[in-house]
Protein backbone atom coordinates (compact mmCIF):
# COMPACT_ATOMS: atom_id res chain seq x y z
CA MET A 1 0.00 0.00 0.00
CA THR A 2 1.40 3.40 -0.93
CA SER A 3 1.85 6.14 1.62
CA SER A 4 -0.81 8.38 0.02
CA LYS A 5 -3.44 5.59 0.23
CA PHE A 6 -2.42 4.88 3.83
CA ALA A 7 -2.74 8.62 4.74
CA PHE A 8 -6.16 8.72 3.06
CA LEU A 9 -7.38 5.73 5.09
CA ILE A 10 -6.17 7.30 8.33
CA ILE A 11 -7.95 10.59 7.54
CA LEU A 12 -11.13 8.66 6.64
CA VAL A 13 -11.08 6.65 9.89
CA LEU A 14 -10.44 9.80 11.99
CA THR A 15 -13.27 11.64 10.22
CA LEU A 16 -15.70 8.81 10.90
CA LEU A 17 -14.66 8.71 14.55
CA VAL A 18 -15.12 12.46 14.97
CA LEU A 19 -18.50 12.46 13.22
CA GLY A 20 -19.69 9.64 15.45
CA CYS A 21 -18.84 11.67 18.57
CA ILE A 22 -20.89 14.73 17.63
CA GLU A 23 -24.22 15.00 19.35
CA GLU A 24 -27.22 16.88 18.07
CA VAL A 25 -27.41 20.42 19.50
CA PRO A 26 -30.64 20.95 21.45
CA GLU A 27 -32.94 23.77 20.32
CA VAL A 28 -32.80 26.78 22.62
CA LYS A 29 -35.96 28.84 22.95
CA PRO A 30 -35.60 32.45 24.06
CA GLN A 31 -37.14 33.53 27.33
CA VAL A 32 -39.70 36.31 26.94
CA GLN A 33 -40.18 38.81 29.73
CA ASN A 34 -42.89 41.41 29.97
CA ILE A 35 -41.35 44.79 30.64
CA GLU A 36 -43.51 47.67 31.78
CA GLN A 37 -42.97 50.87 29.85
CA ASP A 38 -42.46 54.19 31.60
CA SER A 39 -45.30 56.49 30.55
CA THR A 40 -43.39 59.68 31.41
CA PRO A 41 -43.19 61.77 28.23
CA ILE A 42 -39.73 62.58 26.97
CA GLU A 43 -39.10 66.24 26.23
CA THR A 44 -37.56 66.91 22.85
CA PRO A 45 -35.73 70.15 22.21
CA SER A 46 -37.49 72.47 19.80
CA PRO A 47 -35.60 74.12 16.96
CA THR A 48 -34.94 77.84 17.03
CA GLN A 49 -37.60 78.33 14.36
CA GLU A 50 -39.92 75.79 12.79
CA PRO A 51 -39.52 75.58 9.03
CA LYS A 52 -42.53 76.95 7.30
CA THR A 53 -44.59 74.44 5.42
CA GLU A 54 -46.37 77.06 3.34
CA ASN A 55 -44.88 78.02 0.00
CA LEU A 56 -42.31 80.73 0.66
CA PRO A 57 -41.11 83.18 -1.98
CA LEU A 58 -37.61 82.68 -3.40
CA GLY A 59 -34.92 84.41 -1.34
CA THR A 60 -36.64 83.62 1.98
CA THR A 61 -34.37 82.02 4.58
CA VAL A 62 -35.64 79.25 6.84
CA THR A 63 -33.81 78.65 10.13
CA TYR A 64 -34.00 75.22 11.70
CA SER A 65 -31.81 73.90 14.50
CA ASP A 66 -29.28 76.75 14.04
CA MET A 67 -29.10 76.10 10.30
CA ASP A 68 -30.02 78.78 7.75
CA PHE A 69 -31.30 77.50 4.41
CA THR A 70 -32.13 79.81 1.49
CA THR A 71 -33.40 79.13 -1.99
CA LEU A 72 -31.76 82.00 -3.89
CA ARG A 73 -33.02 81.68 -7.47
CA TYR A 74 -33.50 79.32 -10.39
CA ASP A 75 -32.47 79.11 -14.04
CA ILE A 76 -33.85 77.04 -16.91
CA THR A 77 -31.58 75.76 -19.69
CA ASN A 78 -31.79 73.34 -22.61
CA SER A 79 -28.18 72.16 -22.14
CA TYR A 80 -25.12 72.44 -19.93
CA GLU A 81 -21.35 72.43 -20.44
CA TRP A 82 -18.82 70.33 -18.61
CA SER A 83 -15.19 69.35 -19.04
CA ALA A 84 -12.97 66.37 -18.43
CA SER A 85 -9.35 65.71 -19.35
CA ASN A 86 -9.05 69.16 -20.98
CA PHE A 87 -12.02 68.47 -23.29
CA GLN A 88 -15.22 70.53 -23.28
CA TYR A 89 -18.59 68.84 -23.69
CA ILE A 90 -22.14 70.08 -24.16
CA ASN A 91 -25.00 67.86 -22.99
CA GLU A 92 -28.47 68.59 -24.36
CA ALA A 93 -31.55 67.90 -22.27
CA PRO A 94 -33.45 64.76 -23.33
CA GLN A 95 -36.21 65.30 -25.87
CA GLY A 96 -39.26 66.92 -24.26
CA LYS A 97 -37.23 68.02 -21.19
CA LYS A 98 -35.23 71.00 -19.96
CA TYR A 99 -32.99 71.58 -16.96
CA LEU A 100 -34.19 73.49 -13.90
CA TRP A 101 -31.25 74.69 -11.78
CA MET A 102 -32.10 75.58 -8.16
CA TYR A 103 -29.44 77.76 -6.49
CA ILE A 104 -29.34 77.34 -2.73
CA THR A 105 -27.23 78.15 0.30
CA ALA A 106 -27.08 76.50 3.74
CA THR A 107 -25.10 77.66 6.76
CA ASN A 108 -24.37 75.89 10.05
CA ASN A 109 -24.74 78.52 12.81
CA ALA A 110 -24.63 75.95 15.63
CA GLY A 111 -21.76 75.50 18.07
CA ASP A 112 -21.25 71.90 16.90
CA SER A 113 -21.11 70.10 13.59
CA GLU A 114 -24.49 69.64 11.90
CA TYR A 115 -25.87 67.83 8.88
CA LEU A 116 -27.06 70.21 6.18
CA PRO A 117 -29.86 68.93 3.95
CA ALA A 118 -28.65 66.62 1.20
CA SER A 119 -29.72 67.06 -2.42
CA TYR A 120 -31.55 63.71 -2.39
CA GLY A 121 -33.96 65.29 0.11
CA MET A 122 -34.90 68.03 -2.37
CA VAL A 123 -37.66 67.64 -4.94
CA ILE A 124 -39.81 69.65 -7.32
CA LEU A 125 -43.56 69.19 -6.90
CA TYR A 126 -45.46 69.84 -10.13
CA ASN A 127 -48.82 68.83 -11.45
CA GLY A 128 -49.28 66.02 -8.91
CA GLN A 129 -45.80 64.60 -9.54
CA GLN A 130 -42.54 64.53 -7.63
CA ILE A 131 -39.43 65.28 -9.68
CA ASP A 132 -36.18 64.11 -8.07
CA PRO A 133 -32.75 65.68 -8.72
CA THR A 134 -31.03 64.59 -11.91
CA PHE A 135 -27.47 63.28 -12.09
CA ILE A 136 -25.40 65.20 -14.61
CA MET A 137 -21.72 65.12 -15.54
CA LYS A 138 -20.99 68.63 -14.27
CA ASP A 139 -19.63 68.94 -10.72
CA GLU A 140 -18.46 72.56 -10.69
CA GLY A 141 -20.77 74.61 -8.48
CA LYS A 142 -22.84 71.62 -7.32
CA TYR A 143 -24.46 71.90 -3.87
CA GLU A 144 -23.12 69.36 -1.37
CA GLY A 145 -25.00 68.88 1.89
CA GLY A 146 -23.86 66.60 4.68
CA LYS A 147 -21.85 67.09 7.85
CA VAL A 148 -20.28 70.53 8.23
CA TYR A 149 -18.58 72.30 11.09
CA PRO A 150 -19.74 75.51 12.81
CA GLY A 151 -19.75 78.60 10.59
CA ILE A 152 -19.46 76.64 7.33
CA THR A 153 -21.69 77.61 4.40
CA ARG A 154 -22.42 75.35 1.44
CA GLU A 155 -23.69 77.04 -1.70
CA GLY A 156 -24.45 75.69 -5.13
CA TRP A 157 -27.03 74.24 -7.49
CA VAL A 158 -29.24 71.18 -7.62
CA VAL A 159 -30.58 70.31 -11.09
CA PHE A 160 -33.86 68.71 -12.16
CA GLU A 161 -35.14 67.50 -15.54
CA ILE A 162 -38.57 69.04 -16.01
CA PRO A 163 -41.04 68.78 -18.91
CA SER A 164 -40.18 71.38 -21.55
CA ASN A 165 -43.77 72.65 -21.55
CA ALA A 166 -43.97 72.89 -17.73
CA ASP A 167 -45.28 76.09 -16.14
CA VAL A 168 -42.58 76.99 -13.63
CA ASN A 169 -45.01 79.32 -11.83
CA GLU A 170 -46.90 76.20 -10.74
CA MET A 171 -43.80 74.45 -9.30
CA ILE A 172 -42.86 74.05 -5.65
CA PHE A 173 -39.31 73.37 -4.43
CA LEU A 174 -39.42 71.14 -1.33
CA VAL A 175 -36.52 70.57 1.07
CA ASP A 176 -36.58 67.78 3.66
CA PHE A 177 -34.29 68.70 6.55
CA GLY A 178 -33.15 65.17 7.25
CA LEU A 179 -33.90 61.51 7.70
CA PHE A 180 -34.39 61.76 11.44
CA VAL A 181 -36.45 64.95 11.64
CA ASP A 182 -39.92 65.52 10.32
CA LYS A 183 -39.36 69.05 9.05
CA ILE A 184 -39.76 70.36 5.53
CA ALA A 185 -39.84 73.76 3.87
CA THR A 186 -41.28 74.70 0.49
CA TRP A 187 -40.68 77.58 -1.88
CA ASN A 188 -42.99 78.67 -4.67
CA LEU A 189 -41.15 79.27 -7.95
CA GLY A 190 -43.90 81.53 -9.32
């Protein structure tokens, strides 16, 4: 018998011995305890000013939790320019669409770092529809929310693809102030 066959037989015998020694593990059922809940209400701090839920005019600043947020203006274009690797490109809006550029600013006036609203929490409400921000190739001037330190201001644009025949005067720009707060503000574009 060769040494490799002998080694195989030894491994096989040891495996069978080990498998024969293993017992079935008993099922463990979790213990459930009834815990009484404290009915004392928990006080939550209120922001310095509640964001308005009515449609504000452009240029109006909303302050929430020591954060100033302003929708400055908007522009409408049929295309945009961008560059990469020293080449210039022009991207046209898809057929039947145009680009709506919302220019915004947000400042953290708190003593600690805060999360400014992110662009994914901003939408256009129009004609019973919600229009989410559009990804485009241009980064220059883009608004970036997220965690910022005291005194930091973020300013830039968020872009949306809207129907080319849309009446901008009927549009509402909505900003959700975060995943963990139930606060929104809206601005009327008309």
